[in-house]
Amino acid sequence: MVRARPLEEKTEAVFIYAEVGRNLQQAERVFNERYPDNPICRKYLRELVTKFQKTGSLSRQKGSGRKSISEDKQIEIFGSVVNNPLQSTAALAGDCDVAISTVKKY
């Protein structure tokens, strides 16, 4: 089972990369000698370095996630259900101009 790599190890990997003259192959070897219980692959090391160069951070970035619908749209969905409780989910979604999965959530 692969465990999550602590931020300290990620930071160490980037420092090693800088120490060995920006050589991925050598950085991979040195890191794996220091951390034999949790070896790193070259592809992951390259991703870490690229992420650090782009963002200046190695922390996990919050994704854009799913867009939430407005409170007005939620009330519109509830109102449609109250006014016509026998209407299908697909029809409700069409009337409220939202996805069927959104109607199912509310």
N, C-alpha and C. Protein backbone atom coordinates (compact mmCIF):
# COMPACT_ATOMS: atom_id res chain seq x y z
N MET A 1 0.84 -1.18 0.00
CA MET A 1 0.00 0.00 0.00
C MET A 1 0.89 1.25 0.00
N VAL A 2 0.57 2.18 -0.86
CA VAL A 2 1.34 3.41 -0.96
C VAL A 2 0.81 4.40 0.07
N ARG A 3 1.74 4.96 0.85
CA ARG A 3 1.31 5.94 1.84
C ARG A 3 1.53 7.34 1.29
N ALA A 4 0.78 8.27 1.84
CA ALA A 4 0.95 9.66 1.41
C ALA A 4 2.33 10.14 1.83
N ARG A 5 2.96 10.87 0.96
CA ARG A 5 4.30 11.37 1.24
C ARG A 5 4.19 12.66 2.04
N PRO A 6 4.85 12.71 3.22
CA PRO A 6 4.79 13.93 4.04
C PRO A 6 5.44 15.12 3.33
N LEU A 7 5.00 16.30 3.69
CA LEU A 7 5.52 17.53 3.09
C LEU A 7 7.03 17.63 3.27
N GLU A 8 7.54 17.14 4.41
CA GLU A 8 8.98 17.19 4.67
C GLU A 8 9.76 16.40 3.63
N GLU A 9 9.24 15.24 3.25
CA GLU A 9 9.92 14.41 2.24
C GLU A 9 9.85 15.07 0.87
N LYS A 10 8.71 15.68 0.56
CA LYS A 10 8.59 16.38 -0.73
C LYS A 10 9.61 17.51 -0.80
N THR A 11 9.71 18.26 0.29
CA THR A 11 10.66 19.38 0.35
C THR A 11 12.09 18.87 0.21
N GLU A 12 12.39 17.79 0.91
CA GLU A 12 13.73 17.19 0.84
C GLU A 12 14.05 16.76 -0.60
N ALA A 13 13.07 16.21 -1.29
CA ALA A 13 13.28 15.77 -2.67
C ALA A 13 13.66 16.95 -3.57
N VAL A 14 12.97 18.07 -3.40
CA VAL A 14 13.28 19.25 -4.21
C VAL A 14 14.65 19.81 -3.85
N PHE A 15 14.99 19.82 -2.55
CA PHE A 15 16.32 20.28 -2.13
C PHE A 15 17.41 19.40 -2.71
N ILE A 16 17.20 18.10 -2.68
CA ILE A 16 18.19 17.16 -3.25
C ILE A 16 18.36 17.45 -4.74
N TYR A 17 17.27 17.66 -5.43
CA TYR A 17 17.32 17.98 -6.86
C TYR A 17 18.21 19.20 -7.10
N ALA A 18 18.06 20.22 -6.27
CA ALA A 18 18.89 21.43 -6.40
C ALA A 18 20.35 21.13 -6.06
N GLU A 19 20.57 20.32 -5.02
CA GLU A 19 21.93 19.99 -4.57
C GLU A 19 22.74 19.26 -5.63
N VAL A 20 22.09 18.38 -6.37
CA VAL A 20 22.81 17.55 -7.35
C VAL A 20 22.85 18.21 -8.73
N GLY A 21 22.61 19.49 -8.77
CA GLY A 21 22.74 20.20 -10.04
C GLY A 21 21.58 19.99 -10.99
N ARG A 22 20.39 19.83 -10.44
CA ARG A 22 19.17 19.68 -11.25
C ARG A 22 19.21 18.47 -12.16
N ASN A 23 19.68 17.38 -11.64
CA ASN A 23 19.74 16.12 -12.38
C ASN A 23 18.71 15.18 -11.76
N LEU A 24 17.63 14.91 -12.49
CA LEU A 24 16.54 14.08 -11.95
C LEU A 24 17.01 12.68 -11.59
N GLN A 25 17.78 12.07 -12.46
CA GLN A 25 18.23 10.70 -12.22
C GLN A 25 19.07 10.61 -10.95
N GLN A 26 19.99 11.54 -10.79
CA GLN A 26 20.84 11.53 -9.61
C GLN A 26 20.04 11.89 -8.35
N ALA A 27 19.11 12.83 -8.47
CA ALA A 27 18.27 13.22 -7.33
C ALA A 27 17.42 12.03 -6.87
N GLU A 28 16.90 11.29 -7.83
CA GLU A 28 16.11 10.10 -7.51
C GLU A 28 16.96 9.10 -6.73
N ARG A 29 18.16 8.85 -7.20
CA ARG A 29 19.05 7.88 -6.54
C ARG A 29 19.38 8.32 -5.12
N VAL A 30 19.77 9.59 -4.94
CA VAL A 30 20.14 10.10 -3.61
C VAL A 30 18.94 10.04 -2.67
N PHE A 31 17.78 10.46 -3.15
CA PHE A 31 16.58 10.44 -2.30
C PHE A 31 16.28 9.01 -1.85
N ASN A 32 16.32 8.07 -2.78
CA ASN A 32 16.00 6.68 -2.46
C ASN A 32 17.02 6.04 -1.53
N GLU A 33 18.26 6.54 -1.55
CA GLU A 33 19.25 6.06 -0.58
C GLU A 33 18.92 6.58 0.82
N ARG A 34 18.44 7.81 0.90
CA ARG A 34 18.10 8.41 2.20
C ARG A 34 16.76 7.90 2.74
N TYR A 35 15.85 7.59 1.86
CA TYR A 35 14.51 7.14 2.27
C TYR A 35 14.18 5.80 1.60
N PRO A 36 14.86 4.73 2.00
CA PRO A 36 14.63 3.44 1.33
C PRO A 36 13.24 2.86 1.58
N ASP A 37 12.58 3.28 2.66
CA ASP A 37 11.25 2.74 2.95
C ASP A 37 10.15 3.37 2.10
N ASN A 38 10.43 4.51 1.51
CA ASN A 38 9.44 5.19 0.70
C ASN A 38 10.13 5.80 -0.53
N PRO A 39 10.56 4.95 -1.47
CA PRO A 39 11.31 5.45 -2.62
C PRO A 39 10.45 6.34 -3.52
N ILE A 40 11.14 7.16 -4.27
CA ILE A 40 10.47 8.10 -5.17
C ILE A 40 10.82 7.72 -6.61
N CYS A 41 9.90 7.93 -7.52
CA CYS A 41 10.21 7.66 -8.93
C CYS A 41 10.52 9.00 -9.62
N ARG A 42 11.20 8.91 -10.71
CA ARG A 42 11.66 10.10 -11.42
C ARG A 42 10.48 10.96 -11.90
N LYS A 43 9.43 10.30 -12.36
CA LYS A 43 8.26 11.04 -12.85
C LYS A 43 7.65 11.88 -11.73
N TYR A 44 7.49 11.29 -10.56
CA TYR A 44 6.92 12.01 -9.42
C TYR A 44 7.83 13.16 -9.00
N LEU A 45 9.13 12.92 -9.01
CA LEU A 45 10.09 13.97 -8.67
C LEU A 45 9.98 15.13 -9.65
N ARG A 46 9.87 14.81 -10.93
CA ARG A 46 9.71 15.85 -11.95
C ARG A 46 8.44 16.65 -11.70
N GLU A 47 7.34 15.97 -11.34
CA GLU A 47 6.08 16.65 -11.04
C GLU A 47 6.23 17.58 -9.84
N LEU A 48 6.95 17.11 -8.80
CA LEU A 48 7.18 17.95 -7.62
C LEU A 48 7.96 19.21 -7.98
N VAL A 49 9.03 19.03 -8.73
CA VAL A 49 9.88 20.16 -9.12
C VAL A 49 9.07 21.15 -9.96
N THR A 50 8.32 20.65 -10.92
CA THR A 50 7.50 21.52 -11.77
C THR A 50 6.47 22.28 -10.94
N LYS A 51 5.83 21.58 -10.02
CA LYS A 51 4.84 22.22 -9.16
C LYS A 51 5.49 23.33 -8.33
N PHE A 52 6.67 23.04 -7.79
CA PHE A 52 7.37 24.04 -6.99
C PHE A 52 7.77 25.25 -7.84
N GLN A 53 8.20 24.99 -9.05
CA GLN A 53 8.60 26.09 -9.93
C GLN A 53 7.40 26.96 -10.32
N LYS A 54 6.25 26.33 -10.53
CA LYS A 54 5.06 27.08 -10.95
C LYS A 54 4.39 27.82 -9.80
N THR A 55 4.28 27.15 -8.64
CA THR A 55 3.49 27.71 -7.54
C THR A 55 4.32 28.22 -6.38
N GLY A 56 5.57 27.76 -6.28
CA GLY A 56 6.38 28.14 -5.13
C GLY A 56 6.00 27.38 -3.88
N SER A 57 5.19 26.34 -4.04
CA SER A 57 4.70 25.56 -2.91
C SER A 57 4.64 24.08 -3.29
N LEU A 58 4.71 23.23 -2.27
CA LEU A 58 4.55 21.80 -2.51
C LEU A 58 3.27 21.29 -1.85
N SER A 59 2.54 22.18 -1.21
CA SER A 59 1.29 21.79 -0.57
C SER A 59 0.24 21.46 -1.62
N ARG A 60 -0.69 20.66 -1.23
CA ARG A 60 -1.77 20.28 -2.12
C ARG A 60 -2.64 21.51 -2.36
N GLN A 61 -2.89 21.81 -3.61
CA GLN A 61 -3.69 22.97 -3.97
C GLN A 61 -5.16 22.60 -3.99
N LYS A 62 -5.98 23.50 -3.51
CA LYS A 62 -7.42 23.27 -3.52
C LYS A 62 -7.90 23.31 -4.96
N GLY A 63 -8.65 22.33 -5.35
CA GLY A 63 -9.17 22.28 -6.70
C GLY A 63 -10.35 23.20 -6.88
N SER A 64 -10.76 23.37 -8.10
CA SER A 64 -11.89 24.25 -8.37
C SER A 64 -13.17 23.65 -7.83
N GLY A 65 -13.23 22.32 -7.81
CA GLY A 65 -14.39 21.65 -7.24
C GLY A 65 -15.65 21.86 -8.07
N ARG A 66 -16.71 21.34 -7.55
CA ARG A 66 -17.99 21.44 -8.22
C ARG A 66 -18.61 22.79 -7.89
N LYS A 67 -19.17 23.44 -8.86
CA LYS A 67 -19.81 24.72 -8.63
C LYS A 67 -21.14 24.49 -7.90
N SER A 68 -21.39 25.27 -6.88
CA SER A 68 -22.64 25.13 -6.14
C SER A 68 -23.71 25.97 -6.83
N ILE A 69 -24.95 25.57 -6.61
CA ILE A 69 -26.03 26.35 -7.20
C ILE A 69 -26.49 27.39 -6.19
N SER A 70 -27.09 28.43 -6.69
CA SER A 70 -27.49 29.54 -5.83
C SER A 70 -28.67 29.13 -4.94
N GLU A 71 -28.85 29.90 -3.89
CA GLU A 71 -29.97 29.64 -2.98
C GLU A 71 -31.29 29.85 -3.71
N ASP A 72 -31.34 30.82 -4.61
CA ASP A 72 -32.56 31.06 -5.40
C ASP A 72 -32.91 29.85 -6.25
N LYS A 73 -31.88 29.22 -6.84
CA LYS A 73 -32.12 28.04 -7.67
C LYS A 73 -32.61 26.87 -6.81
N GLN A 74 -32.06 26.74 -5.59
CA GLN A 74 -32.52 25.69 -4.68
C GLN A 74 -33.99 25.90 -4.34
N ILE A 75 -34.36 27.15 -4.05
CA ILE A 75 -35.76 27.46 -3.71
C ILE A 75 -36.66 27.17 -4.90
N GLU A 76 -36.18 27.48 -6.10
CA GLU A 76 -36.96 27.19 -7.31
C GLU A 76 -37.21 25.68 -7.45
N ILE A 77 -36.17 24.88 -7.16
CA ILE A 77 -36.33 23.42 -7.23
C ILE A 77 -37.34 22.95 -6.20
N PHE A 78 -37.19 23.43 -4.95
CA PHE A 78 -38.13 23.04 -3.89
C PHE A 78 -39.56 23.45 -4.25
N GLY A 79 -39.71 24.65 -4.78
CA GLY A 79 -41.04 25.14 -5.16
C GLY A 79 -41.66 24.28 -6.24
N SER A 80 -40.87 23.86 -7.20
CA SER A 80 -41.37 23.00 -8.27
C SER A 80 -41.84 21.66 -7.73
N VAL A 81 -41.11 21.13 -6.77
CA VAL A 81 -41.48 19.84 -6.16
C VAL A 81 -42.78 19.99 -5.37
N VAL A 82 -42.90 21.09 -4.61
CA VAL A 82 -44.10 21.32 -3.81
C VAL A 82 -45.31 21.51 -4.72
N ASN A 83 -45.15 22.27 -5.80
CA ASN A 83 -46.26 22.54 -6.71
C ASN A 83 -46.68 21.31 -7.50
N ASN A 84 -45.75 20.45 -7.81
CA ASN A 84 -46.07 19.26 -8.60
C ASN A 84 -45.21 18.10 -8.12
N PRO A 85 -45.62 17.46 -7.00
CA PRO A 85 -44.79 16.39 -6.41
C PRO A 85 -44.68 15.14 -7.28
N LEU A 86 -45.53 14.98 -8.27
CA LEU A 86 -45.49 13.78 -9.11
C LEU A 86 -44.67 13.98 -10.39
N GLN A 87 -44.12 15.17 -10.56
CA GLN A 87 -43.32 15.45 -11.75
C GLN A 87 -42.01 14.66 -11.69
N SER A 88 -41.58 14.15 -12.83
CA SER A 88 -40.34 13.36 -12.87
C SER A 88 -39.12 14.23 -12.60
N THR A 89 -38.05 13.57 -12.21
CA THR A 89 -36.80 14.27 -11.95
C THR A 89 -36.29 14.95 -13.21
N ALA A 90 -36.41 14.28 -14.34
CA ALA A 90 -35.95 14.85 -15.60
C ALA A 90 -36.77 16.09 -15.97
N ALA A 91 -38.07 16.03 -15.74
CA ALA A 91 -38.93 17.18 -16.04
C ALA A 91 -38.60 18.35 -15.12
N LEU A 92 -38.37 18.05 -13.83
CA LEU A 92 -37.99 19.09 -12.88
C LEU A 92 -36.68 19.75 -13.31
N ALA A 93 -35.73 18.93 -13.71
CA ALA A 93 -34.43 19.45 -14.14
C ALA A 93 -34.60 20.36 -15.35
N GLY A 94 -35.44 19.95 -16.28
CA GLY A 94 -35.70 20.77 -17.47
C GLY A 94 -36.37 22.08 -17.11
N ASP A 95 -37.37 22.03 -16.23
CA ASP A 95 -38.09 23.24 -15.82
C ASP A 95 -37.18 24.22 -15.10
N CYS A 96 -36.27 23.69 -14.28
CA CYS A 96 -35.40 24.55 -13.46
C CYS A 96 -34.06 24.85 -14.14
N ASP A 97 -33.85 24.25 -15.30
CA ASP A 97 -32.62 24.46 -16.06
C ASP A 97 -31.37 24.06 -15.27
N VAL A 98 -31.41 22.87 -14.67
CA VAL A 98 -30.27 22.30 -13.95
C VAL A 98 -30.12 20.84 -14.36
N ALA A 99 -29.03 20.23 -13.96
CA ALA A 99 -28.79 18.82 -14.27
C ALA A 99 -29.69 17.93 -13.42
N ILE A 100 -30.00 16.76 -13.92
CA ILE A 100 -30.83 15.81 -13.18
C ILE A 100 -30.17 15.47 -11.84
N SER A 101 -28.85 15.31 -11.85
CA SER A 101 -28.15 14.98 -10.61
C SER A 101 -28.31 16.09 -9.56
N THR A 102 -28.43 17.33 -10.01
CA THR A 102 -28.64 18.44 -9.08
C THR A 102 -30.01 18.33 -8.44
N VAL A 103 -31.02 18.00 -9.23
CA VAL A 103 -32.38 17.84 -8.69
C VAL A 103 -32.41 16.71 -7.68
N LYS A 104 -31.70 15.62 -7.96
CA LYS A 104 -31.68 14.48 -7.05
C LYS A 104 -31.05 14.83 -5.71
N LYS A 105 -30.10 15.77 -5.71
CA LYS A 105 -29.46 16.18 -4.46
C LYS A 105 -30.41 16.93 -3.55
N TYR A 106 -31.32 17.69 -4.15
CA TYR A 106 -32.19 18.55 -3.36
C TYR A 106 -33.58 17.97 -3.33
